[in-house]
Amino acid sequence: MRHRHRGRCGRKGFGRRVPNREDMLSHLEERQRDIEEELADIAELVRRLKDEPAPASGTA
């Protein structure tokens, strides 16, 4: 049995209404800031892992 989807519920952050230009721009800028912060965190972890000496591989 197939279920039909009603409306466009898959859009995140906007609910059921159609966003106006300003709302969409604000939402996208906020997402961009979040992604940039996450990217900076990842870059910092990569830098730390590259900078710290590799652990000596011994038998456990």
PDB file of N, CA and C in Angstrom:
ATOM      1  N   MET A   1       0.841  -1.168   0.000  1.00  0.00           N
ATOM      2  CA  MET A   1       0.000   0.000   0.000  1.00  0.00           C
ATOM      3  C   MET A   1       0.893   1.241   0.000  1.00  0.00           C
ATOM      4  N   ARG A   2       0.605   2.179  -0.845  1.00  0.00           N
ATOM      5  CA  ARG A   2       1.394   3.407  -0.924  1.00  0.00           C
ATOM      6  C   ARG A   2       0.714   4.530  -0.187  1.00  0.00           C
ATOM      7  N   HIS A   3       1.525   5.281   0.517  1.00  0.00           N
ATOM      8  CA  HIS A   3       1.024   6.460   1.205  1.00  0.00           C
ATOM      9  C   HIS A   3       1.434   7.681   0.407  1.00  0.00           C
ATOM     10  N   ARG A   4       0.523   8.584   0.238  1.00  0.00           N
ATOM     11  CA  ARG A   4       0.853   9.808  -0.484  1.00  0.00           C
ATOM     12  C   ARG A   4       1.229  10.892   0.503  1.00  0.00           C
ATOM     13  N   HIS A   5       2.273  11.595   0.153  1.00  0.00           N
ATOM     14  CA  HIS A   5       2.698  12.711   0.993  1.00  0.00           C
ATOM     15  C   HIS A   5       1.895  13.937   0.613  1.00  0.00           C
ATOM     16  N   ARG A   6       1.435  14.622   1.605  1.00  0.00           N
ATOM     17  CA  ARG A   6       0.684  15.844   1.350  1.00  0.00           C
ATOM     18  C   ARG A   6       1.542  17.039   1.709  1.00  0.00           C
ATOM     19  N   GLY A   7       1.575  17.991   0.845  1.00  0.00           N
ATOM     20  CA  GLY A   7       2.352  19.192   1.114  1.00  0.00           C
ATOM     21  C   GLY A   7       3.832  18.914   0.966  1.00  0.00           C
ATOM     22  N   ARG A   8       4.615  19.865   1.376  1.00  0.00           N
ATOM     23  CA  ARG A   8       6.071  19.722   1.307  1.00  0.00           C
ATOM     24  C   ARG A   8       6.625  19.778   2.714  1.00  0.00           C
ATOM     25  N   CYS A   9       6.460  18.708   3.432  1.00  0.00           N
ATOM     26  CA  CYS A   9       6.890  18.659   4.830  1.00  0.00           C
ATOM     27  C   CYS A   9       8.389  18.462   4.962  1.00  0.00           C
ATOM     28  N   GLY A  10       9.066  18.149   3.877  1.00  0.00           N
ATOM     29  CA  GLY A  10      10.489  17.872   3.941  1.00  0.00           C
ATOM     30  C   GLY A  10      11.365  19.105   4.054  1.00  0.00           C
ATOM     31  N   ARG A  11      10.814  20.284   3.878  1.00  0.00           N
ATOM     32  CA  ARG A  11      11.616  21.506   3.972  1.00  0.00           C
ATOM     33  C   ARG A  11      11.897  21.824   5.424  1.00  0.00           C
ATOM     34  N   LYS A  12      13.170  21.882   5.767  1.00  0.00           N
ATOM     35  CA  LYS A  12      13.531  22.144   7.156  1.00  0.00           C
ATOM     36  C   LYS A  12      13.603  23.632   7.412  1.00  0.00           C
ATOM     37  N   GLY A  13      13.125  24.048   8.561  1.00  0.00           N
ATOM     38  CA  GLY A  13      13.307  25.413   8.993  1.00  0.00           C
ATOM     39  C   GLY A  13      12.215  26.373   8.582  1.00  0.00           C
ATOM     40  N   PHE A  14      11.316  25.963   7.706  1.00  0.00           N
ATOM     41  CA  PHE A  14      10.320  26.897   7.232  1.00  0.00           C
ATOM     42  C   PHE A  14       8.886  26.468   7.541  1.00  0.00           C
ATOM     43  N   GLY A  15       8.691  25.244   8.003  1.00  0.00           N
ATOM     44  CA  GLY A  15       7.332  24.805   8.285  1.00  0.00           C
ATOM     45  C   GLY A  15       6.524  24.677   7.003  1.00  0.00           C
ATOM     46  N   ARG A  16       5.261  25.006   7.068  1.00  0.00           N
ATOM     47  CA  ARG A  16       4.398  24.838   5.901  1.00  0.00           C
ATOM     48  C   ARG A  16       4.267  26.093   5.053  1.00  0.00           C
ATOM     49  N   ARG A  17       4.645  27.231   5.582  1.00  0.00           N
ATOM     50  CA  ARG A  17       4.483  28.451   4.798  1.00  0.00           C
ATOM     51  C   ARG A  17       5.651  28.624   3.832  1.00  0.00           C
ATOM     52  N   VAL A  18       5.412  29.338   2.794  1.00  0.00           N
ATOM     53  CA  VAL A  18       6.458  29.633   1.825  1.00  0.00           C
ATOM     54  C   VAL A  18       7.263  30.814   2.360  1.00  0.00           C
ATOM     55  N   PRO A  19       8.584  30.647   2.479  1.00  0.00           N
ATOM     56  CA  PRO A  19       9.390  31.723   3.052  1.00  0.00           C
ATOM     57  C   PRO A  19       9.527  32.897   2.085  1.00  0.00           C
ATOM     58  N   ASN A  20       9.567  34.083   2.647  1.00  0.00           N
ATOM     59  CA  ASN A  20       9.852  35.221   1.783  1.00  0.00           C
ATOM     60  C   ASN A  20      11.365  35.340   1.648  1.00  0.00           C
ATOM     61  N   ARG A  21      11.791  36.229   0.811  1.00  0.00           N
ATOM     62  CA  ARG A  21      13.214  36.368   0.506  1.00  0.00           C
ATOM     63  C   ARG A  21      14.048  36.653   1.744  1.00  0.00           C
ATOM     64  N   GLU A  22      13.586  37.562   2.595  1.00  0.00           N
ATOM     65  CA  GLU A  22      14.338  37.939   3.790  1.00  0.00           C
ATOM     66  C   GLU A  22      14.459  36.780   4.770  1.00  0.00           C
ATOM     67  N   ASP A  23      13.359  36.029   4.961  1.00  0.00           N
ATOM     68  CA  ASP A  23      13.390  34.878   5.869  1.00  0.00           C
ATOM     69  C   ASP A  23      14.341  33.812   5.354  1.00  0.00           C
ATOM     70  N   MET A  24      14.279  33.553   4.065  1.00  0.00           N
ATOM     71  CA  MET A  24      15.152  32.528   3.495  1.00  0.00           C
ATOM     72  C   MET A  24      16.611  32.954   3.603  1.00  0.00           C
ATOM     73  N   LEU A  25      16.887  34.213   3.300  1.00  0.00           N
ATOM     74  CA  LEU A  25      18.258  34.719   3.391  1.00  0.00           C
ATOM     75  C   LEU A  25      18.774  34.618   4.828  1.00  0.00           C
ATOM     76  N   SER A  26      17.957  35.009   5.783  1.00  0.00           N
ATOM     77  CA  SER A  26      18.342  34.931   7.187  1.00  0.00           C
ATOM     78  C   SER A  26      18.626  33.488   7.595  1.00  0.00           C
ATOM     79  N   HIS A  27      17.749  32.593   7.195  1.00  0.00           N
ATOM     80  CA  HIS A  27      17.912  31.170   7.525  1.00  0.00           C
ATOM     81  C   HIS A  27      19.194  30.615   6.896  1.00  0.00           C
ATOM     82  N   LEU A  28      19.446  30.944   5.643  1.00  0.00           N
ATOM     83  CA  LEU A  28      20.638  30.434   4.964  1.00  0.00           C
ATOM     84  C   LEU A  28      21.918  31.017   5.549  1.00  0.00           C
ATOM     85  N   GLU A  29      21.891  32.284   5.934  1.00  0.00           N
ATOM     86  CA  GLU A  29      23.071  32.884   6.562  1.00  0.00           C
ATOM     87  C   GLU A  29      23.358  32.232   7.912  1.00  0.00           C
ATOM     88  N   GLU A  30      22.317  31.912   8.653  1.00  0.00           N
ATOM     89  CA  GLU A  30      22.503  31.238   9.939  1.00  0.00           C
ATOM     90  C   GLU A  30      23.097  29.849   9.730  1.00  0.00           C
ATOM     91  N   ARG A  31      22.584  29.127   8.749  1.00  0.00           N
ATOM     92  CA  ARG A  31      23.135  27.801   8.440  1.00  0.00           C
ATOM     93  C   ARG A  31      24.587  27.914   8.005  1.00  0.00           C
ATOM     94  N   GLN A  32      24.894  28.936   7.207  1.00  0.00           N
ATOM     95  CA  GLN A  32      26.270  29.129   6.754  1.00  0.00           C
ATOM     96  C   GLN A  32      27.199  29.358   7.939  1.00  0.00           C
ATOM     97  N   ARG A  33      26.777  30.185   8.899  1.00  0.00           N
ATOM     98  CA  ARG A  33      27.609  30.427  10.092  1.00  0.00           C
ATOM     99  C   ARG A  33      27.817  29.123  10.870  1.00  0.00           C
ATOM    100  N   ASP A  34      26.758  28.340  11.026  1.00  0.00           N
ATOM    101  CA  ASP A  34      26.873  27.070  11.745  1.00  0.00           C
ATOM    102  C   ASP A  34      27.853  26.135  11.044  1.00  0.00           C
ATOM    103  N   ILE A  35      27.750  26.061   9.728  1.00  0.00           N
ATOM    104  CA  ILE A  35      28.633  25.178   8.966  1.00  0.00           C
ATOM    105  C   ILE A  35      30.074  25.665   9.046  1.00  0.00           C
ATOM    106  N   GLU A  36      30.282  26.980   8.977  1.00  0.00           N
ATOM    107  CA  GLU A  36      31.642  27.527   9.079  1.00  0.00           C
ATOM    108  C   GLU A  36      32.249  27.238  10.444  1.00  0.00           C
ATOM    109  N   GLU A  37      31.444  27.330  11.512  1.00  0.00           N
ATOM    110  CA  GLU A  37      31.943  27.002  12.852  1.00  0.00           C
ATOM    111  C   GLU A  37      32.302  25.526  12.943  1.00  0.00           C
ATOM    112  N   GLU A  38      31.459  24.666  12.392  1.00  0.00           N
ATOM    113  CA  GLU A  38      31.740  23.233  12.422  1.00  0.00           C
ATOM    114  C   GLU A  38      33.002  22.919  11.619  1.00  0.00           C
ATOM    115  N   LEU A  39      33.165  23.565  10.480  1.00  0.00           N
ATOM    116  CA  LEU A  39      34.355  23.361   9.663  1.00  0.00           C
ATOM    117  C   LEU A  39      35.613  23.800  10.404  1.00  0.00           C
ATOM    118  N   ALA A  40      35.533  24.920  11.118  1.00  0.00           N
ATOM    119  CA  ALA A  40      36.681  25.394  11.898  1.00  0.00           C
ATOM    120  C   ALA A  40      37.022  24.391  13.001  1.00  0.00           C
ATOM    121  N   ASP A  41      36.010  23.826  13.648  1.00  0.00           N
ATOM    122  CA  ASP A  41      36.244  22.814  14.684  1.00  0.00           C
ATOM    123  C   ASP A  41      36.941  21.586  14.093  1.00  0.00           C
ATOM    124  N   ILE A  42      36.488  21.150  12.932  1.00  0.00           N
ATOM    125  CA  ILE A  42      37.085  19.984  12.277  1.00  0.00           C
ATOM    126  C   ILE A  42      38.527  20.286  11.883  1.00  0.00           C
ATOM    127  N   ALA A  43      38.764  21.473  11.339  1.00  0.00           N
ATOM    128  CA  ALA A  43      40.123  21.859  10.944  1.00  0.00           C
ATOM    129  C   ALA A  43      41.051  21.870  12.151  1.00  0.00           C
ATOM    130  N   GLU A  44      40.545  22.347  13.286  1.00  0.00           N
ATOM    131  CA  GLU A  44      41.348  22.365  14.517  1.00  0.00           C
ATOM    132  C   GLU A  44      41.687  20.944  14.966  1.00  0.00           C
ATOM    133  N   LEU A  45      40.730  20.034  14.908  1.00  0.00           N
ATOM    134  CA  LEU A  45      40.996  18.641  15.287  1.00  0.00           C
ATOM    135  C   LEU A  45      42.021  18.008  14.355  1.00  0.00           C
ATOM    136  N   VAL A  46      41.905  18.262  13.066  1.00  0.00           N
ATOM    137  CA  VAL A  46      42.864  17.725  12.102  1.00  0.00           C
ATOM    138  C   VAL A  46      44.252  18.272  12.405  1.00  0.00           C
ATOM    139  N   ARG A  47      44.351  19.581  12.675  1.00  0.00           N
ATOM    140  CA  ARG A  47      45.637  20.192  12.984  1.00  0.00           C
ATOM    141  C   ARG A  47      46.258  19.557  14.222  1.00  0.00           C
ATOM    142  N   ARG A  48      45.424  19.359  15.253  1.00  0.00           N
ATOM    143  CA  ARG A  48      45.937  18.748  16.496  1.00  0.00           C
ATOM    144  C   ARG A  48      46.449  17.342  16.256  1.00  0.00           C
ATOM    145  N   LEU A  49      45.685  16.563  15.480  1.00  0.00           N
ATOM    146  CA  LEU A  49      46.098  15.185  15.215  1.00  0.00           C
ATOM    147  C   LEU A  49      47.393  15.141  14.408  1.00  0.00           C
ATOM    148  N   LYS A  50      47.568  16.083  13.508  1.00  0.00           N
ATOM    149  CA  LYS A  50      48.808  16.132  12.719  1.00  0.00           C
ATOM    150  C   LYS A  50      49.978  16.573  13.578  1.00  0.00           C
ATOM    151  N   ASP A  51      49.752  17.470  14.517  1.00  0.00           N
ATOM    152  CA  ASP A  51      50.827  18.045  15.327  1.00  0.00           C
ATOM    153  C   ASP A  51      51.295  17.117  16.449  1.00  0.00           C
ATOM    154  N   GLU A  52      50.410  16.325  17.010  1.00  0.00           N
ATOM    155  CA  GLU A  52      50.825  15.480  18.137  1.00  0.00           C
ATOM    156  C   GLU A  52      51.535  14.243  17.629  1.00  0.00           C
ATOM    157  N   PRO A  53      52.510  13.775  18.383  1.00  0.00           N
ATOM    158  CA  PRO A  53      53.263  12.589  17.933  1.00  0.00           C
ATOM    159  C   PRO A  53      52.367  11.338  17.913  1.00  0.00           C
ATOM    160  N   ALA A  54      52.648  10.501  16.974  1.00  0.00           N
ATOM    161  CA  ALA A  54      51.895   9.250  16.860  1.00  0.00           C
ATOM    162  C   ALA A  54      52.231   8.359  18.062  1.00  0.00           C
ATOM    163  N   PRO A  55      51.234   7.690  18.626  1.00  0.00           N
ATOM    164  CA  PRO A  55      51.514   6.810  19.750  1.00  0.00           C
ATOM    165  C   PRO A  55      52.357   5.630  19.307  1.00  0.00           C
ATOM    166  N   ALA A  56      53.236   5.185  20.214  1.00  0.00           N
ATOM    167  CA  ALA A  56      54.074   4.020  19.914  1.00  0.00           C
ATOM    168  C   ALA A  56      53.193   2.798  19.809  1.00  0.00           C
ATOM    169  N   SER A  57      53.366   2.057  18.766  1.00  0.00           N
ATOM    170  CA  SER A  57      52.533   0.856  18.595  1.00  0.00           C
ATOM    171  C   SER A  57      53.197  -0.299  19.332  1.00  0.00           C
ATOM    172  N   GLY A  58      52.526  -0.723  20.365  1.00  0.00           N
ATOM    173  CA  GLY A  58      53.034  -1.823  21.174  1.00  0.00           C
ATOM    174  C   GLY A  58      51.976  -2.913  21.250  1.00  0.00           C
ATOM    175  N   THR A  59      52.317  -3.959  21.890  1.00  0.00           N
ATOM    176  CA  THR A  59      51.332  -5.035  22.029  1.00  0.00           C
ATOM    177  C   THR A  59      50.452  -4.725  23.212  1.00  0.00           C
ATOM    178  N   ALA A  60      49.197  -5.049  23.069  1.00  0.00           N
ATOM    179  CA  ALA A  60      48.244  -4.741  24.142  1.00  0.00           C
ATOM    180  C   ALA A  60      48.005  -5.906  25.031  1.00  0.00           C
TER     181      ALA A  60
END
